[in-house]
Every structure is written in structure tokens, then in C-alpha cells.
Amino acid sequence: MALRNVMRPQASLWLHLDYRTVHYVKVMCDEIFGAGAFRGEIVWVLSSGLLESTMALVLRDDRLVGAVLIGDSNDALWYRDLIRGGHDVSAIRENLIFGRAFCDASTDARLKEAA
């Protein structure tokens, strides 16, 4: 609560969190700032020995609203179509950063589980 008291009404708070804690901190921030104050999140992956690219995806209300792709960008047109179409990506959100092939595979697996 002390944080909210020292922030101006137009201030922004950017947090960099581990995927294991982000949900707990979001709930805490909802209690402090109100559930309507959350604007979006940036999901990113840095290059490693296995990946030859760096990327960041910007999500708002379960929709992809931006993407930064550096290096291997085989899925660039697919990300562009998701952004332009305003599609709800909640069903593929956990695999979205890994590209279309991972999202298609996870969607196929969910459909088989539901059958």
C-alpha cells in the first residue's frame, strides 16, 4: 500500500518476474492498485545455445498486440496475422513464445483430450 501512496496517478509500474511468481504478484498488485489497473504483459525469450533468435511478445487482454523478432523469424507473418486479427490467444498463450508449430501441437493435444 505504501507504494501506491507515493506514486502519481499517471505513473506506471514495470515488473520483471519469474514465470513461477508472476501470478502471485499480479494478485497482490490487483489488491493494491485494483483489478482494472493491469494493462498488459511482455513475454520474452533470449537466445541461447539452442535458439538463434531473441523475441518479445506484448500481450493485452489475451490478445497479441506487439512482437519484436530478432534473428530467426520464420513465424513473423503468423505473429503479424495474430496481431492484425486481434485473435484471443488464451488457448495457446503458454506456447505462443515458441512459435506456430508449438501452438498447433498444443491445440491438437487439447482437442484430443476433449474428445
C-alpha atoms as a PDB file:
ATOM      1  CA  MET A   1       0.000   0.000   0.000  1.00  0.00           C
ATOM      2  CA  ALA A   2       2.900   2.349   0.697  1.00  0.00           C
ATOM      3  CA  LEU A   3       3.968   2.092  -2.950  1.00  0.00           C
ATOM      4  CA  ARG A   4       0.598   3.304  -4.181  1.00  0.00           C
ATOM      5  CA  ASN A   5       0.709   6.256  -1.780  1.00  0.00           C
ATOM      6  CA  VAL A   6       3.974   7.583  -3.266  1.00  0.00           C
ATOM      7  CA  MET A   7       3.051   7.053  -6.939  1.00  0.00           C
ATOM      8  CA  ARG A   8       1.415   9.730  -9.075  1.00  0.00           C
ATOM      9  CA  PRO A   9      -1.925   8.778 -10.666  1.00  0.00           C
ATOM     10  CA  GLN A  10      -0.344   8.652 -14.159  1.00  0.00           C
ATOM     11  CA  ALA A  11       2.663   6.555 -13.030  1.00  0.00           C
ATOM     12  CA  SER A  12       3.498   3.129 -14.456  1.00  0.00           C
ATOM     13  CA  LEU A  13       4.973   0.159 -12.660  1.00  0.00           C
ATOM     14  CA  TRP A  14       7.018  -2.330 -14.699  1.00  0.00           C
ATOM     15  CA  LEU A  15       7.970  -5.602 -13.045  1.00  0.00           C
ATOM     16  CA  HIS A  16      10.293  -8.295 -14.315  1.00  0.00           C
ATOM     17  CA  LEU A  17       9.198 -11.571 -12.764  1.00  0.00           C
ATOM     18  CA  ASP A  18       9.965 -15.245 -12.931  1.00  0.00           C
ATOM     19  CA  TYR A  19       7.171 -17.280 -14.539  1.00  0.00           C
ATOM     20  CA  ARG A  20       6.688 -19.148 -11.253  1.00  0.00           C
ATOM     21  CA  THR A  21       5.846 -15.980  -9.297  1.00  0.00           C
ATOM     22  CA  VAL A  22       4.129 -13.720 -11.814  1.00  0.00           C
ATOM     23  CA  HIS A  23       0.615 -14.905 -10.909  1.00  0.00           C
ATOM     24  CA  TYR A  24       1.086 -14.312  -7.183  1.00  0.00           C
ATOM     25  CA  VAL A  25       2.470 -10.821  -7.759  1.00  0.00           C
ATOM     26  CA  LYS A  26      -0.366  -9.952 -10.167  1.00  0.00           C
ATOM     27  CA  VAL A  27      -2.920 -10.868  -7.481  1.00  0.00           C
ATOM     28  CA  MET A  28      -1.007  -8.748  -4.962  1.00  0.00           C
ATOM     29  CA  CYS A  29      -0.905  -5.807  -7.392  1.00  0.00           C
ATOM     30  CA  ASP A  30      -4.645  -6.197  -8.045  1.00  0.00           C
ATOM     31  CA  GLU A  31      -5.216  -5.808  -4.308  1.00  0.00           C
ATOM     32  CA  ILE A  32      -3.025  -2.701  -4.163  1.00  0.00           C
ATOM     33  CA  PHE A  33      -3.940  -0.922  -7.422  1.00  0.00           C
ATOM     34  CA  GLY A  34      -7.293  -2.513  -8.325  1.00  0.00           C
ATOM     35  CA  ALA A  35      -8.042  -5.240 -10.853  1.00  0.00           C
ATOM     36  CA  GLY A  36      -8.642  -2.736 -13.658  1.00  0.00           C
ATOM     37  CA  ALA A  37      -5.173  -1.188 -13.372  1.00  0.00           C
ATOM     38  CA  PHE A  38      -3.346  -4.068 -15.103  1.00  0.00           C
ATOM     39  CA  ARG A  39      -2.566  -3.082 -18.704  1.00  0.00           C
ATOM     40  CA  GLY A  40      -0.632  -5.972 -20.213  1.00  0.00           C
ATOM     41  CA  GLU A  41       2.486  -8.056 -20.134  1.00  0.00           C
ATOM     42  CA  ILE A  42       5.600  -8.597 -22.180  1.00  0.00           C
ATOM     43  CA  VAL A  43       6.721 -12.193 -22.662  1.00  0.00           C
ATOM     44  CA  TRP A  44      10.247 -12.671 -23.936  1.00  0.00           C
ATOM     45  CA  VAL A  45      12.834 -15.273 -24.734  1.00  0.00           C
ATOM     46  CA  LEU A  46      16.553 -14.598 -25.085  1.00  0.00           C
ATOM     47  CA  SER A  47      18.761 -16.513 -27.424  1.00  0.00           C
ATOM     48  CA  SER A  48      20.631 -19.492 -26.045  1.00  0.00           C
ATOM     49  CA  GLY A  49      22.690 -22.311 -27.473  1.00  0.00           C
ATOM     50  CA  LEU A  50      19.515 -23.876 -28.889  1.00  0.00           C
ATOM     51  CA  LEU A  51      17.805 -20.718 -30.110  1.00  0.00           C
ATOM     52  CA  GLU A  52      19.270 -18.371 -32.673  1.00  0.00           C
ATOM     53  CA  SER A  53      16.890 -15.518 -32.023  1.00  0.00           C
ATOM     54  CA  THR A  54      15.625 -13.086 -29.441  1.00  0.00           C
ATOM     55  CA  MET A  55      11.985 -12.168 -29.256  1.00  0.00           C
ATOM     56  CA  ALA A  56       9.467 -10.303 -27.171  1.00  0.00           C
ATOM     57  CA  LEU A  57       5.698 -10.586 -27.408  1.00  0.00           C
ATOM     58  CA  VAL A  58       3.361  -7.965 -25.987  1.00  0.00           C
ATOM     59  CA  LEU A  59       0.002  -9.268 -24.755  1.00  0.00           C
ATOM     60  CA  ARG A  60      -3.036  -7.325 -23.597  1.00  0.00           C
ATOM     61  CA  ASP A  61      -6.376  -8.869 -22.604  1.00  0.00           C
ATOM     62  CA  ASP A  62      -5.365 -12.265 -24.053  1.00  0.00           C
ATOM     63  CA  ARG A  63      -4.559 -10.678 -27.386  1.00  0.00           C
ATOM     64  CA  LEU A  64      -1.179 -10.303 -29.040  1.00  0.00           C
ATOM     65  CA  VAL A  65      -0.656  -6.567 -29.626  1.00  0.00           C
ATOM     66  CA  GLY A  66       3.051  -6.445 -30.483  1.00  0.00           C
ATOM     67  CA  ALA A  67       6.083  -8.538 -31.329  1.00  0.00           C
ATOM     68  CA  VAL A  68       9.808  -7.928 -31.639  1.00  0.00           C
ATOM     69  CA  LEU A  69      11.641 -10.648 -33.556  1.00  0.00           C
ATOM     70  CA  ILE A  70      15.420 -10.559 -33.968  1.00  0.00           C
ATOM     71  CA  GLY A  71      17.195 -13.294 -35.910  1.00  0.00           C
ATOM     72  CA  ASP A  72      15.216 -16.364 -36.959  1.00  0.00           C
ATOM     73  CA  SER A  73      11.735 -15.074 -37.731  1.00  0.00           C
ATOM     74  CA  ASN A  74      10.053 -17.938 -39.576  1.00  0.00           C
ATOM     75  CA  ASP A  75       6.794 -17.213 -37.749  1.00  0.00           C
ATOM     76  CA  ALA A  76       6.815 -13.443 -38.376  1.00  0.00           C
ATOM     77  CA  LEU A  77       3.813 -13.498 -40.727  1.00  0.00           C
ATOM     78  CA  TRP A  78       1.855 -15.709 -38.328  1.00  0.00           C
ATOM     79  CA  TYR A  79       2.515 -13.304 -35.427  1.00  0.00           C
ATOM     80  CA  ARG A  80       1.562 -10.390 -37.690  1.00  0.00           C
ATOM     81  CA  ASP A  81      -1.748 -12.071 -38.548  1.00  0.00           C
ATOM     82  CA  LEU A  82      -2.479 -12.686 -34.848  1.00  0.00           C
ATOM     83  CA  ILE A  83      -1.809  -9.015 -34.097  1.00  0.00           C
ATOM     84  CA  ARG A  84      -3.836  -7.672 -37.023  1.00  0.00           C
ATOM     85  CA  GLY A  85      -6.716 -10.077 -36.449  1.00  0.00           C
ATOM     86  CA  GLY A  86      -6.996  -9.328 -32.731  1.00  0.00           C
ATOM     87  CA  HIS A  87      -7.404 -13.041 -32.031  1.00  0.00           C
ATOM     88  CA  ASP A  88      -7.854 -14.337 -28.485  1.00  0.00           C
ATOM     89  CA  VAL A  89      -4.651 -16.290 -27.767  1.00  0.00           C
ATOM     90  CA  SER A  90      -5.576 -17.562 -24.291  1.00  0.00           C
ATOM     91  CA  ALA A  91      -5.754 -21.186 -25.511  1.00  0.00           C
ATOM     92  CA  ILE A  92      -2.200 -21.070 -26.895  1.00  0.00           C
ATOM     93  CA  ARG A  93      -0.723 -18.485 -24.523  1.00  0.00           C
ATOM     94  CA  GLU A  94       1.712 -20.823 -22.755  1.00  0.00           C
ATOM     95  CA  ASN A  95       3.288 -21.885 -26.079  1.00  0.00           C
ATOM     96  CA  LEU A  96       2.922 -18.617 -28.009  1.00  0.00           C
ATOM     97  CA  ILE A  97       6.532 -17.565 -27.472  1.00  0.00           C
ATOM     98  CA  PHE A  98       7.774 -20.807 -29.071  1.00  0.00           C
ATOM     99  CA  GLY A  99       6.017 -20.253 -32.399  1.00  0.00           C
ATOM    100  CA  ARG A 100       3.262 -21.640 -34.548  1.00  0.00           C
ATOM    101  CA  ALA A 101       4.398 -25.290 -34.537  1.00  0.00           C
ATOM    102  CA  PHE A 102       4.243 -25.471 -30.728  1.00  0.00           C
ATOM    103  CA  CYS A 103       0.870 -23.733 -30.652  1.00  0.00           C
ATOM    104  CA  ASP A 104      -0.597 -26.019 -33.315  1.00  0.00           C
ATOM    105  CA  ALA A 105       0.673 -29.080 -31.403  1.00  0.00           C
ATOM    106  CA  SER A 106      -0.757 -27.880 -28.083  1.00  0.00           C
ATOM    107  CA  THR A 107      -4.115 -27.052 -29.697  1.00  0.00           C
ATOM    108  CA  ASP A 108      -4.242 -30.504 -31.333  1.00  0.00           C
ATOM    109  CA  ALA A 109      -3.442 -32.175 -27.994  1.00  0.00           C
ATOM    110  CA  ARG A 110      -6.203 -30.236 -26.200  1.00  0.00           C
ATOM    111  CA  LEU A 111      -8.744 -31.186 -28.867  1.00  0.00           C
ATOM    112  CA  LYS A 112      -7.804 -34.877 -28.498  1.00  0.00           C
ATOM    113  CA  GLU A 113      -8.131 -34.643 -24.681  1.00  0.00           C
ATOM    114  CA  ALA A 114     -11.592 -33.074 -25.019  1.00  0.00           C
ATOM    115  CA  ALA A 115     -12.810 -35.814 -27.387  1.00  0.00           C
END
